[in-house]
Protein backbone atom coordinates (compact mmCIF):
# COMPACT_ATOMS: atom_id res chain seq x y z
CA MET A 1 60.91 26.36 60.28
CA ALA A 2 64.30 25.90 62.27
CA THR A 3 64.20 26.10 66.25
CA GLN A 4 65.57 29.59 67.22
CA ILE A 5 68.02 29.68 70.15
CA ILE A 6 69.62 32.59 71.28
CA TYR A 7 72.47 32.70 73.97
CA LEU A 8 72.79 35.76 76.01
CA THR A 9 76.37 36.11 77.24
CA PRO A 10 78.00 38.61 79.89
CA ALA A 11 81.04 39.27 77.77
CA GLY A 12 82.71 38.80 74.22
CA ALA A 13 84.13 35.73 72.45
CA THR A 14 87.55 35.94 74.44
CA LEU A 15 85.64 35.01 77.57
CA PRO A 16 86.43 31.47 78.45
CA SER A 17 82.81 30.33 79.07
CA VAL A 18 81.85 32.14 75.80
CA ARG A 19 84.63 30.39 73.76
CA PHE A 20 83.84 26.78 75.02
CA ARG A 21 80.21 26.89 76.15
CA VAL A 22 78.58 29.08 73.62
CA LEU A 23 80.56 29.54 70.37
CA PRO A 24 80.95 25.77 69.49
CA PHE A 25 77.30 25.13 69.99
CA VAL A 26 76.29 27.84 67.90
CA GLU A 27 78.44 26.19 65.03
CA LEU A 28 77.25 22.93 65.65
CA GLY A 29 73.65 23.77 66.14
CA ASN A 30 73.60 25.55 62.77
CA GLY A 31 75.36 22.62 61.20
CA LYS A 32 72.39 20.44 62.69
CA GLY A 33 69.91 22.78 61.04
CA LEU A 34 68.96 24.87 64.15
CA ASP A 35 69.07 28.72 64.16
CA VAL A 36 71.47 29.38 66.92
CA SER A 37 73.08 32.75 67.69
CA TRP A 38 74.59 34.68 70.54
CA GLN A 39 74.31 38.24 71.86
CA ARG A 40 76.32 39.98 74.41
CA VAL A 41 74.56 41.66 77.05
CA PRO A 42 75.45 45.31 77.73
CA LYS A 43 76.71 46.46 81.09
CA SER A 44 75.04 49.93 81.45
CA ILE A 45 71.68 50.18 82.69
CA PHE A 46 70.38 52.33 79.72
CA ASN A 47 72.12 50.22 77.14
CA ARG A 48 70.25 47.22 78.75
CA LEU A 49 67.10 48.73 78.76
CA VAL A 50 67.10 49.13 75.03
CA PHE A 51 68.76 45.82 74.54
CA PHE A 52 65.78 43.91 76.29
CA ALA A 53 63.24 46.23 74.40
CA ARG A 54 64.77 44.96 71.24
CA LEU A 55 65.26 41.35 71.82
CA PRO A 56 63.19 39.15 69.36
CA LYS A 57 60.99 36.36 69.97
CA ALA A 58 62.59 33.04 70.02
CA GLU A 59 61.81 29.54 71.11
CA ILE A 60 64.64 29.18 73.37
CA TYR A 61 66.89 31.82 75.41
CA ILE A 62 69.85 30.67 76.96
CA ILE A 63 71.36 32.61 79.49
CA GLN A 64 75.01 31.93 79.96
CA ALA A 65 76.52 32.62 83.32
CA LYS A 66 74.87 36.06 83.70
CA LEU A 67 72.63 36.93 86.59
CA PHE A 68 69.72 39.12 85.88
CA SER A 69 67.37 41.24 88.10
CA ALA A 70 63.71 39.73 88.56
CA GLN A 71 62.41 42.33 86.14
CA GLU A 72 64.81 41.35 83.33
CA ILE A 73 64.00 37.67 83.93
CA SER A 74 60.16 38.45 83.64
CA VAL A 75 60.73 40.23 80.16
CA LEU A 76 63.07 37.36 79.00
CA LYS A 77 60.11 34.86 79.96
CA HIS A 78 57.74 36.68 77.72
CA LYS A 79 60.13 36.63 74.88
CA CYS A 80 60.59 33.01 74.55
CA ASP A 81 58.90 29.46 75.05
CA MET A 82 61.80 28.05 77.06
CA LEU A 83 64.41 30.01 79.23
CA VAL A 84 67.40 28.10 80.12
CA PHE A 85 70.21 29.08 82.65
CA ASP A 86 73.48 27.79 81.86
CA TYR A 87 76.03 28.06 84.59
CA ASP A 88 79.71 26.61 84.81
CA ASP A 89 80.89 28.65 87.97
CA ALA A 90 79.84 29.25 91.43
CA VAL A 91 78.08 32.61 90.25
CA TRP A 92 76.34 33.04 93.61
CA THR A 93 79.46 33.67 95.67
CA MET A 94 82.94 35.05 95.31
CA PRO A 95 86.30 33.93 96.54
CA PRO A 96 87.03 33.90 100.19
CA PHE A 97 89.58 36.75 99.78
CA ASP A 98 87.06 38.91 98.30
CA LEU A 99 84.12 38.26 101.08
CA ALA A 100 86.39 39.83 103.55
CA ASN A 101 85.19 43.35 101.94
CA LEU A 102 82.00 44.31 103.17
CA LYS A 103 81.11 45.75 99.86
CA LYS A 104 81.94 42.55 98.27
CA ARG A 105 79.80 40.64 100.76
CA ARG A 106 76.94 42.77 99.77
CA LYS A 107 77.44 42.10 96.23
CA ALA A 108 77.63 38.14 96.91
CA ALA A 109 74.30 38.37 98.61
CA LYS A 110 72.69 40.20 95.60
CA CYS A 111 74.32 37.45 93.35
CA ALA A 112 72.85 34.86 95.81
CA SER A 113 69.48 36.17 95.62
CA ARG A 114 69.53 36.58 91.95
CA PHE A 115 70.74 33.21 91.41
CA ALA A 116 67.92 31.66 93.48
CA ASN A 117 65.49 33.55 91.61
CA GLN A 118 66.78 32.80 88.11
CA CYS A 119 67.21 29.07 88.80
CA ALA A 120 63.51 28.77 90.07
CA LYS A 121 62.24 30.88 86.95
CA ALA A 122 64.09 28.99 84.26
CA ASP A 123 62.33 26.23 82.62
CA LEU A 124 65.75 24.09 82.70
CA CYS A 125 69.05 24.89 84.44
CA ILE A 126 72.23 23.44 82.91
CA ALA A 127 75.26 23.09 85.29
CA GLY A 128 78.93 22.42 84.58
CA ASN A 129 79.26 19.87 87.14
CA ARG A 130 77.30 18.02 89.97
CA PHE A 131 78.28 20.43 92.89
CA LEU A 132 76.89 23.20 90.61
CA ALA A 133 73.69 21.24 89.92
CA GLU A 134 73.38 20.51 93.69
CA LYS A 135 73.13 24.26 94.52
CA GLY A 136 70.67 24.83 91.75
CA HIS A 137 68.43 21.86 92.76
CA HIS A 138 67.59 24.05 96.15
CA TYR A 139 65.50 26.03 93.41
CA GLN A 140 64.89 24.07 90.56
CA ASP A 141 64.07 20.33 89.92
CA ASN A 142 65.03 20.46 86.10
CA ILE A 143 68.59 20.33 86.02
CA ALA A 144 71.07 18.94 83.42
CA VAL A 145 74.65 18.33 84.19
CA ILE A 146 76.58 18.93 81.11
CA PRO A 147 80.44 19.53 81.51
CA THR A 148 82.41 22.00 79.44
CA GLY A 149 83.65 20.26 76.39
CA LEU A 150 86.70 20.72 74.03
CA ASP A 151 87.55 20.17 70.53
CA THR A 152 89.78 16.91 70.48
CA LYS A 153 90.35 17.56 66.89
CA LYS A 154 91.92 20.73 67.82
CA TYR A 155 93.38 19.75 71.03
CA VAL A 156 95.65 16.72 70.12
CA ALA A 157 98.74 14.96 71.81
CA GLY A 158 102.23 16.23 70.40
CA ARG A 159 105.05 15.20 72.61
CA ASN A 160 104.98 11.29 72.62
CA ASN A 161 108.08 11.40 70.22
CA ARG A 162 110.40 12.89 72.83
CA PRO A 163 110.70 10.20 75.41
CA ASN A 164 114.26 11.12 76.29
CA SER A 165 113.88 14.82 77.10
CA VAL A 166 113.82 16.25 80.55
CA PRO A 167 110.00 16.31 81.51
CA VAL A 168 108.17 19.49 81.55
CA VAL A 169 106.01 20.06 84.56
CA GLY A 170 103.84 22.88 83.25
CA TRP A 171 100.63 25.00 84.27
CA MET A 172 98.38 27.26 82.16
CA GLY A 173 96.14 29.79 83.70
CA THR A 174 95.33 33.58 84.52
CA SER A 175 97.60 35.62 86.81
CA SER A 176 94.99 35.73 89.51
CA TYR A 177 95.66 32.06 90.11
CA LEU A 178 99.42 32.17 90.18
CA ASP A 179 99.69 31.95 93.91
CA TRP A 180 98.28 28.52 93.99
CA VAL A 181 101.41 27.46 91.82
CA GLN A 182 103.66 28.35 94.47
CA GLU A 183 103.16 25.15 96.72
CA PRO A 184 103.78 22.54 94.11
CA ILE A 185 106.71 24.60 92.90
CA SER A 186 108.32 24.89 96.27
CA LYS A 187 108.10 21.09 96.89
CA LEU A 188 109.76 20.44 93.56
CA GLN A 189 112.33 22.93 92.91
CA ARG A 190 114.97 20.70 94.45
CA HIS A 191 114.56 18.40 91.43
CA VAL A 192 115.32 20.89 88.72
CA GLY A 193 117.45 19.34 86.16
CA SER A 194 115.38 16.11 86.36
CA ILE A 195 112.40 18.28 85.72
CA GLN A 196 111.85 21.59 84.41
CA PHE A 197 108.97 24.15 85.08
CA SER A 198 106.77 25.75 82.56
CA ILE A 199 104.28 28.71 83.09
CA ILE A 200 101.89 29.93 80.51
CA SER A 201 100.09 33.16 81.73
CA ASN A 202 99.24 36.56 81.14
CA ALA A 203 101.88 37.45 84.01
CA GLN A 204 105.19 36.07 85.11
CA TYR A 205 105.30 33.95 88.32
CA THR A 206 107.30 35.93 91.02
CA GLY A 207 106.68 33.24 93.73
CA GLU A 208 109.15 30.65 95.28
CA GLY A 209 111.39 29.12 92.84
CA LYS A 210 110.65 31.57 90.22
CA GLU A 211 114.40 31.38 88.98
CA HIS A 212 113.56 27.85 87.88
CA VAL A 213 110.45 28.74 86.12
CA LYS A 214 110.36 29.35 82.18
CA TRP A 215 107.49 31.75 81.54
CA ALA A 216 105.69 32.43 78.15
CA ALA A 217 102.76 34.58 77.74
CA TRP A 218 99.47 32.78 76.86
CA SER A 219 97.93 33.27 73.47
CA SER A 220 95.05 31.73 71.78
CA GLU A 221 96.99 30.96 68.55
CA LYS A 222 99.82 29.13 70.47
CA GLU A 223 97.69 27.56 73.06
CA VAL A 224 97.59 24.19 71.71
CA SER A 225 101.35 24.00 70.93
CA GLN A 226 102.09 25.45 74.49
CA LEU A 227 100.08 22.65 76.06
CA GLN A 228 101.72 20.13 73.90
CA ALA A 229 105.19 21.14 75.24
CA MET A 230 104.18 19.99 78.64
CA ASP A 231 104.32 16.35 79.91
CA ILE A 232 102.90 16.96 83.43
CA GLY A 233 100.17 19.54 83.98
CA LEU A 234 99.47 21.29 87.34
CA MET A 235 96.22 21.83 88.85
CA PRO A 236 96.56 23.31 92.16
CA LEU A 237 93.11 24.43 93.82
CA GLU A 238 92.04 25.68 97.24
CA ASN A 239 88.96 24.00 98.90
CA ASN A 240 86.10 26.39 99.29
CA GLU A 241 82.60 26.88 98.05
CA TYR A 242 83.88 29.12 95.18
CA THR A 243 86.40 26.67 93.83
CA ARG A 244 84.25 23.49 94.07
CA GLY A 245 82.12 25.24 91.36
CA LYS A 246 85.36 25.07 89.04
CA CYS A 247 84.86 22.82 86.14
CA GLY A 248 88.28 21.66 85.64
CA PHE A 249 88.71 22.73 82.01
CA LYS A 250 92.39 23.03 82.59
CA ILE A 251 92.64 19.21 83.34
CA LEU A 252 90.53 18.64 80.27
CA GLN A 253 93.07 20.51 77.87
CA TYR A 254 96.06 18.78 79.63
CA MET A 255 94.47 15.41 79.00
CA ALA A 256 93.04 16.04 75.43
CA CYS A 257 97.01 17.06 74.57
CA GLY A 258 98.45 14.09 76.17
CA VAL A 259 99.57 15.85 79.29
CA VAL A 260 99.37 13.79 82.50
CA PRO A 261 97.36 15.93 85.08
CA VAL A 262 98.43 16.09 88.81
CA ALA A 263 95.41 17.85 90.43
CA ALA A 264 94.23 18.94 93.84
CA ASP A 265 91.40 16.40 94.93
CA VAL A 266 88.92 19.07 94.99
CA GLY A 267 85.53 19.37 93.47
CA PHE A 268 84.93 18.28 89.90
CA ASN A 269 88.94 17.44 89.56
CA ALA A 270 88.09 13.92 91.29
CA GLU A 271 85.18 13.29 88.80
CA ILE A 272 87.48 13.92 85.64
CA ILE A 273 90.73 11.86 86.90
CA GLU A 274 90.67 8.22 87.57
CA HIS A 275 93.61 8.45 90.34
CA GLY A 276 96.69 6.35 89.12
CA ILE A 277 95.15 5.80 85.67
CA ASP A 278 94.94 8.80 83.67
CA GLY A 279 96.19 11.43 86.37
CA PHE A 280 96.85 11.83 89.97
CA LEU A 281 94.72 13.52 92.61
CA VAL A 282 96.94 15.34 95.38
CA ARG A 283 95.58 15.53 99.05
CA THR A 284 98.53 16.68 100.81
CA PRO A 285 101.30 19.14 99.91
CA GLU A 286 104.15 16.33 100.06
CA GLU A 287 102.22 14.48 97.19
CA TRP A 288 103.00 17.09 94.69
CA GLU A 289 106.52 15.77 94.78
CA THR A 290 105.40 12.04 95.18
CA TYR A 291 103.57 11.84 92.13
CA ILE A 292 105.09 14.24 89.88
CA MET A 293 108.57 12.73 90.39
CA ARG A 294 106.88 9.16 89.86
CA LEU A 295 105.87 10.50 86.75
CA ALA A 296 109.06 12.07 85.82
CA GLU A 297 111.09 9.21 86.54
CA ASP A 298 109.04 6.62 84.94
CA ASN A 299 108.67 7.28 81.12
CA SER A 300 106.51 4.13 80.51
CA LEU A 301 104.03 5.34 83.14
CA ARG A 302 103.83 8.77 81.93
CA GLN A 303 103.13 7.55 78.36
CA ALA A 304 100.52 5.00 79.44
CA MET A 305 98.89 7.48 81.47
CA ALA A 306 99.05 10.19 78.81
CA GLU A 307 97.14 7.85 76.54
CA ALA A 308 94.61 6.90 79.05
CA ALA A 309 94.02 10.77 79.54
CA ARG A 310 93.53 11.35 75.99
CA LYS A 311 91.37 8.38 75.50
CA LYS A 312 88.97 9.63 78.05
CA ILE A 313 88.56 13.21 76.88
CA VAL A 314 87.75 11.90 73.34
CA ALA A 315 85.04 9.59 74.68
CA GLU A 316 83.48 11.57 77.39
CA PHE A 317 84.39 15.27 76.86
CA ASP A 318 84.57 16.04 73.22
CA ILE A 319 82.45 19.18 72.27
CA ARG A 320 80.41 17.11 69.89
CA VAL A 321 79.43 14.54 73.04
CA MET A 322 78.41 17.73 74.95
CA ALA A 323 76.48 19.04 71.77
CA ASP A 324 74.35 15.72 71.75
CA SER A 325 73.66 16.01 75.59
CA LEU A 326 72.72 19.67 75.03
CA TRP A 327 70.12 19.05 72.27
CA ARG A 328 68.71 16.24 74.25
CA ALA A 329 68.11 18.64 77.27
CA LEU A 330 66.68 21.27 75.22
CA GLY A 331 64.49 18.74 73.23
CA VAL A 332 65.28 19.77 69.72
């Protein structure tokens, strides 16, 4: 009889962590002969009581980035042979601007307590990067580091046949992080004409240099072609405990699509990018201009780094590579 693995998720299929850390493994696991499924955990207390009562017995339950109460964890422990906690974010804390609010600080303290208990009670923790793993190691010895992967058969390069066009410097992400894009754009806006800016998001960019930015709404159907239209991909990031938990998925998307990343030298970004080989790491505000214009003005360098970036993602971050790591960690 096939090993039954059930993922428990905090939201539906559109949540990025579900899209990239759950659904591909459901498909690949079932293709491997396992019995892999997923269920979304209700938000209301009453519905959760019913949900937990009706959960079936399974060999393995994998909690994906959701923090449960001690009582809920106890119920889950009795429902399975192996309880796994998979987290790809600093789920024990919040961004600094949230922590300025007393109510949010109390919520963060609750998250930290639940994180500690959940790590300790799990049979295995799976962390998206080494920083996250180090945090988990305070409470749990059995931790596997498995980065978020992507399907390199879907995310493919598409712009190498346009070497003479104006290089596109792009950014893709949700509007909550748009403020971070302002620094590189402000440093580079005087070069408009030699480069052009593209932002793909759920809201328009309204910061400095907005008149130079071409905006388009993100869509899951167009995501790959929107990435392929870029030459250089921006990944600005503040340096704090919350951001060091980020797993650099935007960088992986850029690199898989043949887009050279220029990223803040923060957290997992520096583990993905080999500086000067398949991307550049930025440590000072002035370096956004230095590295992006170096790439913009040297087509041969840009193409060589794009090819190196794509090669790395195929070899190290393809979803099938991540799946093999997951099955080994689970012992299935």
